[in-house]
């Protein structure tokens, strides 16, 4: 898990990333703190999400999005609109 912690720290810089065991089923708590030491985001993930490369990419993307929302740089409604747009494009391509 140390290498995953280092990768998360590098991907989510400048935030301080802490990865700690959390739960009986192998979950891990990921905490992101800003440079002042304030917790910006705290989420729990299962071990598979952190050890599978594809799922880890999704975890990093989600944490990055959550930080943007926490900082007020991205509104949740914008995310919903982008998801709907992407879904509509997929549906049009399938027809």
PDB file of N, CA and C in Angstrom:
ATOM      1  N   UNK A   1       0.809  -1.197   0.000  1.00  0.00           N
ATOM      2  CA  UNK A   1       0.000   0.000   0.000  1.00  0.00           C
ATOM      3  C   UNK A   1       0.856   1.266   0.000  1.00  0.00           C
ATOM      4  N   UNK A   2       2.098   1.138   0.393  1.00  0.00           N
ATOM      5  CA  UNK A   2       2.957   2.330   0.419  1.00  0.00           C
ATOM      6  C   UNK A   2       3.143   2.899  -0.976  1.00  0.00           C
ATOM      7  N   UNK A   3       3.315   2.025  -1.976  1.00  0.00           N
ATOM      8  CA  UNK A   3       3.494   2.533  -3.338  1.00  0.00           C
ATOM      9  C   UNK A   3       2.222   3.210  -3.834  1.00  0.00           C
ATOM     10  N   UNK A   4       1.060   2.700  -3.448  1.00  0.00           N
ATOM     11  CA  UNK A   4      -0.203   3.325  -3.829  1.00  0.00           C
ATOM     12  C   UNK A   4      -0.329   4.682  -3.155  1.00  0.00           C
ATOM     13  N   UNK A   5       0.070   4.770  -1.907  1.00  0.00           N
ATOM     14  CA  UNK A   5       0.038   6.037  -1.188  1.00  0.00           C
ATOM     15  C   UNK A   5       0.931   7.064  -1.876  1.00  0.00           C
ATOM     16  N   UNK A   6       2.109   6.646  -2.315  1.00  0.00           N
ATOM     17  CA  UNK A   6       3.019   7.544  -3.025  1.00  0.00           C
ATOM     18  C   UNK A   6       2.428   7.990  -4.357  1.00  0.00           C
ATOM     19  N   UNK A   7       1.806   7.049  -5.083  1.00  0.00           N
ATOM     20  CA  UNK A   7       1.193   7.394  -6.359  1.00  0.00           C
ATOM     21  C   UNK A   7       0.043   8.382  -6.159  1.00  0.00           C
ATOM     22  N   UNK A   8      -0.783   8.164  -5.134  1.00  0.00           N
ATOM     23  CA  UNK A   8      -1.872   9.092  -4.845  1.00  0.00           C
ATOM     24  C   UNK A   8      -1.324  10.468  -4.495  1.00  0.00           C
ATOM     25  N   UNK A   9      -0.263  10.492  -3.692  1.00  0.00           N
ATOM     26  CA  UNK A   9       0.358  11.759  -3.313  1.00  0.00           C
ATOM     27  C   UNK A   9       0.878  12.518  -4.509  1.00  0.00           C
ATOM     28  N   UNK A  10       1.478  11.800  -5.438  1.00  0.00           N
ATOM     29  CA  UNK A  10       2.007  12.438  -6.642  1.00  0.00           C
ATOM     30  C   UNK A  10       0.870  12.930  -7.548  1.00  0.00           C
ATOM     31  N   UNK A  11      -0.164  12.110  -7.708  1.00  0.00           N
ATOM     32  CA  UNK A  11      -1.274  12.457  -8.599  1.00  0.00           C
ATOM     33  C   UNK A  11      -2.114  13.602  -8.053  1.00  0.00           C
ATOM     34  N   UNK A  12      -2.174  13.728  -6.731  1.00  0.00           N
ATOM     35  CA  UNK A  12      -3.050  14.724  -6.117  1.00  0.00           C
ATOM     36  C   UNK A  12      -2.282  15.883  -5.478  1.00  0.00           C
ATOM     37  N   UNK A  13      -1.033  16.050  -5.869  1.00  0.00           N
ATOM     38  CA  UNK A  13      -0.225  17.154  -5.371  1.00  0.00           C
ATOM     39  C   UNK A  13      -0.903  18.462  -5.739  1.00  0.00           C
ATOM     40  N   UNK A  14      -0.914  19.448  -4.926  1.00  0.00           N
ATOM     41  CA  UNK A  14      -0.123  19.743  -3.741  1.00  0.00           C
ATOM     42  C   UNK A  14      -0.779  19.292  -2.433  1.00  0.00           C
ATOM     43  N   UNK A  15      -1.823  18.498  -2.505  1.00  0.00           N
ATOM     44  CA  UNK A  15      -2.512  18.055  -1.295  1.00  0.00           C
ATOM     45  C   UNK A  15      -1.733  16.945  -0.614  1.00  0.00           C
ATOM     46  N   UNK A  16      -1.760  16.944   0.710  1.00  0.00           N
ATOM     47  CA  UNK A  16      -1.133  15.880   1.483  1.00  0.00           C
ATOM     48  C   UNK A  16      -2.114  14.724   1.533  1.00  0.00           C
ATOM     49  N   UNK A  17      -1.678  13.560   1.093  1.00  0.00           N
ATOM     50  CA  UNK A  17      -2.540  12.387   1.035  1.00  0.00           C
ATOM     51  C   UNK A  17      -2.136  11.415   2.136  1.00  0.00           C
ATOM     52  N   UNK A  18      -3.135  10.973   2.913  1.00  0.00           N
ATOM     53  CA  UNK A  18      -2.917   9.972   3.945  1.00  0.00           C
ATOM     54  C   UNK A  18      -3.800   8.778   3.636  1.00  0.00           C
ATOM     55  N   UNK A  19      -3.217   7.592   3.660  1.00  0.00           N
ATOM     56  CA  UNK A  19      -3.933   6.346   3.391  1.00  0.00           C
ATOM     57  C   UNK A  19      -3.850   5.495   4.645  1.00  0.00           C
ATOM     58  N   UNK A  20      -4.993   5.215   5.282  1.00  0.00           N
ATOM     59  CA  UNK A  20      -5.007   4.451   6.522  1.00  0.00           C
ATOM     60  C   UNK A  20      -6.032   3.330   6.440  1.00  0.00           C
ATOM     61  N   UNK A  21      -5.706   2.158   7.033  1.00  0.00           N
ATOM     62  CA  UNK A  21      -6.692   1.072   7.075  1.00  0.00           C
ATOM     63  C   UNK A  21      -7.949   1.536   7.809  1.00  0.00           C
ATOM     64  N   UNK A  22      -9.102   1.092   7.297  1.00  0.00           N
ATOM     65  CA  UNK A  22     -10.357   1.533   7.885  1.00  0.00           C
ATOM     66  C   UNK A  22     -11.435   0.500   7.609  1.00  0.00           C
ATOM     67  N   UNK A  23     -11.675  -0.379   8.549  1.00  0.00           N
ATOM     68  CA  UNK A  23     -12.738  -1.357   8.376  1.00  0.00           C
ATOM     69  C   UNK A  23     -12.228  -2.781   8.383  1.00  0.00           C
ATOM     70  N   UNK A  24     -13.144  -3.681   8.663  1.00  0.00           N
ATOM     71  CA  UNK A  24     -12.806  -5.096   8.796  1.00  0.00           C
ATOM     72  C   UNK A  24     -12.674  -5.804   7.458  1.00  0.00           C
ATOM     73  N   UNK A  25     -13.155  -5.201   6.387  1.00  0.00           N
ATOM     74  CA  UNK A  25     -13.137  -5.856   5.077  1.00  0.00           C
ATOM     75  C   UNK A  25     -12.019  -5.348   4.186  1.00  0.00           C
ATOM     76  N   UNK A  26     -11.012  -4.723   4.768  1.00  0.00           N
ATOM     77  CA  UNK A  26      -9.866  -4.261   4.000  1.00  0.00           C
ATOM     78  C   UNK A  26     -10.036  -2.896   3.366  1.00  0.00           C
ATOM     79  N   UNK A  27     -10.951  -2.107   3.871  1.00  0.00           N
ATOM     80  CA  UNK A  27     -11.121  -0.770   3.333  1.00  0.00           C
ATOM     81  C   UNK A  27      -9.982   0.134   3.787  1.00  0.00           C
ATOM     82  N   UNK A  28      -9.792   1.191   3.001  1.00  0.00           N
ATOM     83  CA  UNK A  28      -8.782   2.188   3.334  1.00  0.00           C
ATOM     84  C   UNK A  28      -9.406   3.580   3.257  1.00  0.00           C
ATOM     85  N   UNK A  29      -9.049   4.414   4.213  1.00  0.00           N
ATOM     86  CA  UNK A  29      -9.504   5.804   4.240  1.00  0.00           C
ATOM     87  C   UNK A  29      -8.438   6.663   3.581  1.00  0.00           C
ATOM     88  N   UNK A  30      -8.857   7.440   2.600  1.00  0.00           N
ATOM     89  CA  UNK A  30      -7.963   8.373   1.925  1.00  0.00           C
ATOM     90  C   UNK A  30      -8.365   9.772   2.374  1.00  0.00           C
ATOM     91  N   UNK A  31      -7.399  10.498   2.944  1.00  0.00           N
ATOM     92  CA  UNK A  31      -7.634  11.848   3.432  1.00  0.00           C
ATOM     93  C   UNK A  31      -6.730  12.805   2.668  1.00  0.00           C
ATOM     94  N   UNK A  32      -7.331  13.867   2.146  1.00  0.00           N
ATOM     95  CA  UNK A  32      -6.565  14.910   1.460  1.00  0.00           C
ATOM     96  C   UNK A  32      -6.633  16.168   2.297  1.00  0.00           C
ATOM     97  N   UNK A  33      -5.443  16.719   2.600  1.00  0.00           N
ATOM     98  CA  UNK A  33      -5.353  17.966   3.362  1.00  0.00           C
ATOM     99  C   UNK A  33      -4.688  19.019   2.493  1.00  0.00           C
ATOM    100  N   UNK A  34      -5.128  20.261   2.683  1.00  0.00           N
ATOM    101  CA  UNK A  34      -4.500  21.352   1.941  1.00  0.00           C
ATOM    102  C   UNK A  34      -3.192  21.747   2.629  1.00  0.00           C
ATOM    103  N   UNK A  35      -2.528  22.758   2.114  1.00  0.00           N
ATOM    104  CA  UNK A  35      -1.226  23.156   2.659  1.00  0.00           C
ATOM    105  C   UNK A  35      -1.329  23.706   4.073  1.00  0.00           C
ATOM    106  N   UNK A  36      -2.525  24.126   4.479  1.00  0.00           N
ATOM    107  CA  UNK A  36      -2.738  24.611   5.850  1.00  0.00           C
ATOM    108  C   UNK A  36      -3.037  23.472   6.817  1.00  0.00           C
ATOM    109  N   UNK A  37      -3.205  22.264   6.296  1.00  0.00           N
ATOM    110  CA  UNK A  37      -3.502  21.112   7.135  1.00  0.00           C
ATOM    111  C   UNK A  37      -4.980  20.838   7.327  1.00  0.00           C
ATOM    112  N   UNK A  38      -5.841  21.608   6.666  1.00  0.00           N
ATOM    113  CA  UNK A  38      -7.286  21.389   6.767  1.00  0.00           C
ATOM    114  C   UNK A  38      -7.699  20.232   5.853  1.00  0.00           C
ATOM    115  N   UNK A  39      -8.566  19.381   6.356  1.00  0.00           N
ATOM    116  CA  UNK A  39      -9.059  18.261   5.562  1.00  0.00           C
ATOM    117  C   UNK A  39      -9.987  18.795   4.480  1.00  0.00           C
ATOM    118  N   UNK A  40      -9.652  18.479   3.241  1.00  0.00           N
ATOM    119  CA  UNK A  40     -10.463  18.907   2.097  1.00  0.00           C
ATOM    120  C   UNK A  40     -11.437  17.812   1.687  1.00  0.00           C
ATOM    121  N   UNK A  41     -10.952  16.573   1.662  1.00  0.00           N
ATOM    122  CA  UNK A  41     -11.754  15.432   1.234  1.00  0.00           C
ATOM    123  C   UNK A  41     -11.318  14.220   2.039  1.00  0.00           C
ATOM    124  N   UNK A  42     -12.298  13.418   2.409  1.00  0.00           N
ATOM    125  CA  UNK A  42     -12.006  12.164   3.103  1.00  0.00           C
ATOM    126  C   UNK A  42     -12.980  11.121   2.584  1.00  0.00           C
ATOM    127  N   UNK A  43     -12.452  10.035   2.026  1.00  0.00           N
ATOM    128  CA  UNK A  43     -13.278   8.985   1.446  1.00  0.00           C
ATOM    129  C   UNK A  43     -12.720   7.619   1.844  1.00  0.00           C
ATOM    130  N   UNK A  44     -13.609   6.627   1.841  1.00  0.00           N
ATOM    131  CA  UNK A  44     -13.204   5.246   2.130  1.00  0.00           C
ATOM    132  C   UNK A  44     -13.360   4.431   0.849  1.00  0.00           C
ATOM    133  N   UNK A  45     -12.328   3.651   0.527  1.00  0.00           N
ATOM    134  CA  UNK A  45     -12.327   2.810  -0.666  1.00  0.00           C
ATOM    135  C   UNK A  45     -11.957   1.389  -0.272  1.00  0.00           C
ATOM    136  N   UNK A  46     -12.463   0.419  -1.049  1.00  0.00           N
ATOM    137  CA  UNK A  46     -12.032  -0.950  -0.779  1.00  0.00           C
ATOM    138  C   UNK A  46     -10.681  -1.184  -1.439  1.00  0.00           C
ATOM    139  N   UNK A  47     -10.015  -2.219  -1.010  1.00  0.00           N
ATOM    140  CA  UNK A  47      -8.641  -2.464  -1.458  1.00  0.00           C
ATOM    141  C   UNK A  47      -8.570  -2.675  -2.973  1.00  0.00           C
ATOM    142  N   UNK A  48      -9.575  -3.302  -3.548  1.00  0.00           N
ATOM    143  CA  UNK A  48      -9.574  -3.542  -4.992  1.00  0.00           C
ATOM    144  C   UNK A  48      -9.550  -2.239  -5.773  1.00  0.00           C
ATOM    145  N   UNK A  49     -10.276  -1.238  -5.299  1.00  0.00           N
ATOM    146  CA  UNK A  49     -10.296   0.053  -5.981  1.00  0.00           C
ATOM    147  C   UNK A  49      -8.915   0.694  -5.995  1.00  0.00           C
ATOM    148  N   UNK A  50      -8.114   0.385  -5.006  1.00  0.00           N
ATOM    149  CA  UNK A  50      -6.788   0.993  -4.911  1.00  0.00           C
ATOM    150  C   UNK A  50      -5.689   0.162  -5.566  1.00  0.00           C
ATOM    151  N   UNK A  51      -5.946  -1.119  -5.792  1.00  0.00           N
ATOM    152  CA  UNK A  51      -4.901  -1.961  -6.367  1.00  0.00           C
ATOM    153  C   UNK A  51      -5.097  -2.240  -7.856  1.00  0.00           C
ATOM    154  N   UNK A  52      -6.307  -2.065  -8.366  1.00  0.00           N
ATOM    155  CA  UNK A  52      -6.570  -2.231  -9.795  1.00  0.00           C
ATOM    156  C   UNK A  52      -6.293  -0.910 -10.498  1.00  0.00           C
ATOM    157  N   UNK A  53      -5.460  -0.942 -11.512  1.00  0.00           N
ATOM    158  CA  UNK A  53      -5.017   0.288 -12.173  1.00  0.00           C
ATOM    159  C   UNK A  53      -6.188   1.107 -12.724  1.00  0.00           C
ATOM    160  N   UNK A  54      -7.131   0.466 -13.364  1.00  0.00           N
ATOM    161  CA  UNK A  54      -8.265   1.185 -13.950  1.00  0.00           C
ATOM    162  C   UNK A  54      -9.125   1.821 -12.853  1.00  0.00           C
ATOM    163  N   UNK A  55      -9.384   1.060 -11.797  1.00  0.00           N
ATOM    164  CA  UNK A  55     -10.192   1.594 -10.705  1.00  0.00           C
ATOM    165  C   UNK A  55      -9.447   2.696  -9.943  1.00  0.00           C
ATOM    166  N   UNK A  56      -8.132   2.554  -9.832  1.00  0.00           N
ATOM    167  CA  UNK A  56      -7.338   3.586  -9.156  1.00  0.00           C
ATOM    168  C   UNK A  56      -7.402   4.909  -9.933  1.00  0.00           C
ATOM    169  N   UNK A  57      -7.411   4.818 -11.246  1.00  0.00           N
ATOM    170  CA  UNK A  57      -7.559   6.022 -12.069  1.00  0.00           C
ATOM    171  C   UNK A  57      -8.891   6.702 -11.770  1.00  0.00           C
ATOM    172  N   UNK A  58      -9.953   5.902 -11.635  1.00  0.00           N
ATOM    173  CA  UNK A  58     -11.266   6.454 -11.292  1.00  0.00           C
ATOM    174  C   UNK A  58     -11.260   7.084  -9.907  1.00  0.00           C
ATOM    175  N   UNK A  59     -10.546   6.456  -8.968  1.00  0.00           N
ATOM    176  CA  UNK A  59     -10.442   7.003  -7.607  1.00  0.00           C
ATOM    177  C   UNK A  59      -9.766   8.373  -7.650  1.00  0.00           C
ATOM    178  N   UNK A  60      -8.652   8.468  -8.368  1.00  0.00           N
ATOM    179  CA  UNK A  60      -7.925   9.742  -8.464  1.00  0.00           C
ATOM    180  C   UNK A  60      -8.799  10.802  -9.126  1.00  0.00           C
ATOM    181  N   UNK A  61      -9.475  10.436 -10.206  1.00  0.00           N
ATOM    182  CA  UNK A  61     -10.355  11.390 -10.885  1.00  0.00           C
ATOM    183  C   UNK A  61     -11.464  11.872  -9.949  1.00  0.00           C
ATOM    184  N   UNK A  62     -12.048  10.947  -9.205  1.00  0.00           N
ATOM    185  CA  UNK A  62     -13.110  11.307  -8.274  1.00  0.00           C
ATOM    186  C   UNK A  62     -12.620  12.198  -7.149  1.00  0.00           C
ATOM    187  N   UNK A  63     -11.445  11.887  -6.609  1.00  0.00           N
ATOM    188  CA  UNK A  63     -10.888  12.721  -5.542  1.00  0.00           C
ATOM    189  C   UNK A  63     -10.552  14.123  -6.059  1.00  0.00           C
ATOM    190  N   UNK A  64     -10.010  14.177  -7.254  1.00  0.00           N
ATOM    191  CA  UNK A  64      -9.687  15.484  -7.843  1.00  0.00           C
ATOM    192  C   UNK A  64     -10.959  16.304  -8.026  1.00  0.00           C
ATOM    193  N   UNK A  65     -12.006  15.680  -8.540  1.00  0.00           N
ATOM    194  CA  UNK A  65     -13.292  16.366  -8.701  1.00  0.00           C
ATOM    195  C   UNK A  65     -13.839  16.832  -7.355  1.00  0.00           C
ATOM    196  N   UNK A  66     -13.761  15.968  -6.329  1.00  0.00           N
ATOM    197  CA  UNK A  66     -14.257  16.319  -5.000  1.00  0.00           C
ATOM    198  C   UNK A  66     -13.506  17.512  -4.411  1.00  0.00           C
ATOM    199  N   UNK A  67     -12.201  17.589  -4.658  1.00  0.00           N
ATOM    200  CA  UNK A  67     -11.406  18.723  -4.179  1.00  0.00           C
ATOM    201  C   UNK A  67     -11.844  20.003  -4.885  1.00  0.00           C
ATOM    202  N   UNK A  68     -12.062  19.923  -6.188  1.00  0.00           N
ATOM    203  CA  UNK A  68     -12.519  21.100  -6.924  1.00  0.00           C
ATOM    204  C   UNK A  68     -13.857  21.594  -6.385  1.00  0.00           C
ATOM    205  N   UNK A  69     -14.747  20.679  -6.066  1.00  0.00           N
ATOM    206  CA  UNK A  69     -16.042  21.057  -5.501  1.00  0.00           C
ATOM    207  C   UNK A  69     -15.848  21.659  -4.118  1.00  0.00           C
ATOM    208  N   UNK A  70     -15.007  21.020  -3.290  1.00  0.00           N
ATOM    209  CA  UNK A  70     -14.773  21.513  -1.924  1.00  0.00           C
ATOM    210  C   UNK A  70     -14.177  22.918  -1.929  1.00  0.00           C
ATOM    211  N   UNK A  71     -13.364  23.206  -2.928  1.00  0.00           N
ATOM    212  CA  UNK A  71     -12.744  24.533  -3.029  1.00  0.00           C
ATOM    213  C   UNK A  71     -13.651  25.547  -3.715  1.00  0.00           C
ATOM    214  N   UNK A  72     -14.799  25.094  -4.201  1.00  0.00           N
ATOM    215  CA  UNK A  72     -15.713  26.001  -4.886  1.00  0.00           C
ATOM    216  C   UNK A  72     -15.320  26.307  -6.308  1.00  0.00           C
ATOM    217  N   UNK A  73     -14.417  25.519  -6.867  1.00  0.00           N
ATOM    218  CA  UNK A  73     -13.973  25.774  -8.240  1.00  0.00           C
ATOM    219  C   UNK A  73     -14.798  25.012  -9.268  1.00  0.00           C
ATOM    220  N   UNK A  74     -15.691  24.139  -8.799  1.00  0.00           N
ATOM    221  CA  UNK A  74     -16.547  23.364  -9.696  1.00  0.00           C
ATOM    222  C   UNK A  74     -17.865  23.121  -8.986  1.00  0.00           C
ATOM    223  N   UNK A  75     -18.944  23.404  -9.654  1.00  0.00           N
ATOM    224  CA  UNK A  75     -20.274  23.215  -9.080  1.00  0.00           C
ATOM    225  C   UNK A  75     -20.788  21.820  -9.424  1.00  0.00           C
ATOM    226  N   UNK A  76     -21.442  21.154  -8.488  1.00  0.00           N
ATOM    227  CA  UNK A  76     -21.988  19.818  -8.762  1.00  0.00           C
ATOM    228  C   UNK A  76     -22.937  19.793  -9.965  1.00  0.00           C
ATOM    229  N   UNK A  77     -23.662  20.877 -10.211  1.00  0.00           N
ATOM    230  CA  UNK A  77     -24.585  20.904 -11.355  1.00  0.00           C
ATOM    231  C   UNK A  77     -23.815  20.846 -12.676  1.00  0.00           C
ATOM    232  N   UNK A  78     -22.597  21.381 -12.703  1.00  0.00           N
ATOM    233  CA  UNK A  78     -21.775  21.317 -13.917  1.00  0.00           C
ATOM    234  C   UNK A  78     -21.381  19.872 -14.190  1.00  0.00           C
ATOM    235  N   UNK A  79     -21.065  19.138 -13.151  1.00  0.00           N
ATOM    236  CA  UNK A  79     -20.718  17.723 -13.309  1.00  0.00           C
ATOM    237  C   UNK A  79     -21.902  16.956 -13.872  1.00  0.00           C
ATOM    238  N   UNK A  80     -23.091  17.201 -13.334  1.00  0.00           N
ATOM    239  CA  UNK A  80     -24.293  16.521 -13.817  1.00  0.00           C
ATOM    240  C   UNK A  80     -24.536  16.844 -15.289  1.00  0.00           C
ATOM    241  N   UNK A  81     -24.352  18.082 -15.668  1.00  0.00           N
ATOM    242  CA  UNK A  81     -24.554  18.476 -17.061  1.00  0.00           C
ATOM    243  C   UNK A  81     -23.544  17.790 -17.978  1.00  0.00           C
ATOM    244  N   UNK A  82     -22.296  17.713 -17.546  1.00  0.00           N
ATOM    245  CA  UNK A  82     -21.272  17.044 -18.354  1.00  0.00           C
ATOM    246  C   UNK A  82     -21.561  15.554 -18.501  1.00  0.00           C
ATOM    247  N   UNK A  83     -22.013  14.926 -17.439  1.00  0.00           N
ATOM    248  CA  UNK A  83     -22.372  13.501 -17.503  1.00  0.00           C
ATOM    249  C   UNK A  83     -23.532  13.274 -18.460  1.00  0.00           C
ATOM    250  N   UNK A  84     -24.542  14.132 -18.390  1.00  0.00           N
ATOM    251  CA  UNK A  84     -25.688  13.999 -19.291  1.00  0.00           C
ATOM    252  C   UNK A  84     -25.264  14.180 -20.739  1.00  0.00           C
ATOM    253  N   UNK A  85     -24.393  15.129 -20.995  1.00  0.00           N
ATOM    254  CA  UNK A  85     -23.892  15.367 -22.346  1.00  0.00           C
ATOM    255  C   UNK A  85     -23.140  14.140 -22.857  1.00  0.00           C
ATOM    256  N   UNK A  86     -22.280  13.569 -22.019  1.00  0.00           N
ATOM    257  CA  UNK A  86     -21.517  12.379 -22.411  1.00  0.00           C
ATOM    258  C   UNK A  86     -22.455  11.196 -22.670  1.00  0.00           C
ATOM    259  N   UNK A  87     -23.468  11.032 -21.830  1.00  0.00           N
ATOM    260  CA  UNK A  87     -24.434   9.935 -21.998  1.00  0.00           C
ATOM    261  C   UNK A  87     -25.199  10.109 -23.303  1.00  0.00           C
ATOM    262  N   UNK A  88     -25.605  11.343 -23.601  1.00  0.00           N
ATOM    263  CA  UNK A  88     -26.342  11.613 -24.837  1.00  0.00           C
ATOM    264  C   UNK A  88     -25.490  11.302 -26.056  1.00  0.00           C
ATOM    265  N   UNK A  89     -24.205  11.615 -26.008  1.00  0.00           N
ATOM    266  CA  UNK A  89     -23.306  11.322 -27.125  1.00  0.00           C
ATOM    267  C   UNK A  89     -23.193   9.826 -27.343  1.00  0.00           C
ATOM    268  N   UNK A  90     -23.124   9.063 -26.260  1.00  0.00           N
ATOM    269  CA  UNK A  90     -23.029   7.604 -26.367  1.00  0.00           C
ATOM    270  C   UNK A  90     -24.316   7.048 -26.978  1.00  0.00           C
ATOM    271  N   UNK A  91     -25.451   7.586 -26.553  1.00  0.00           N
ATOM    272  CA  UNK A  91     -26.732   7.106 -27.066  1.00  0.00           C
ATOM    273  C   UNK A  91     -26.873   7.437 -28.549  1.00  0.00           C
ATOM    274  N   UNK A  92     -26.420   8.619 -28.968  1.00  0.00           N
ATOM    275  CA  UNK A  92     -26.490   8.987 -30.380  1.00  0.00           C
ATOM    276  C   UNK A  92     -25.564   8.119 -31.229  1.00  0.00           C
ATOM    277  N   UNK A  93     -24.406   7.809 -30.700  1.00  0.00           N
ATOM    278  CA  UNK A  93     -23.453   6.965 -31.434  1.00  0.00           C
ATOM    279  C   UNK A  93     -23.975   5.547 -31.587  1.00  0.00           C
ATOM    280  N   UNK A  94     -24.769   5.077 -30.630  1.00  0.00           N
ATOM    281  CA  UNK A  94     -25.302   3.715 -30.687  1.00  0.00           C
ATOM    282  C   UNK A  94     -26.429   3.596 -31.714  1.00  0.00           C
ATOM    283  N   UNK A  95     -27.060   4.706 -32.049  1.00  0.00           N
ATOM    284  CA  UNK A  95     -28.187   4.664 -33.001  1.00  0.00           C
ATOM    285  C   UNK A  95     -27.720   4.738 -34.383  1.00  0.00           C
TER     286      UNK A  95
END
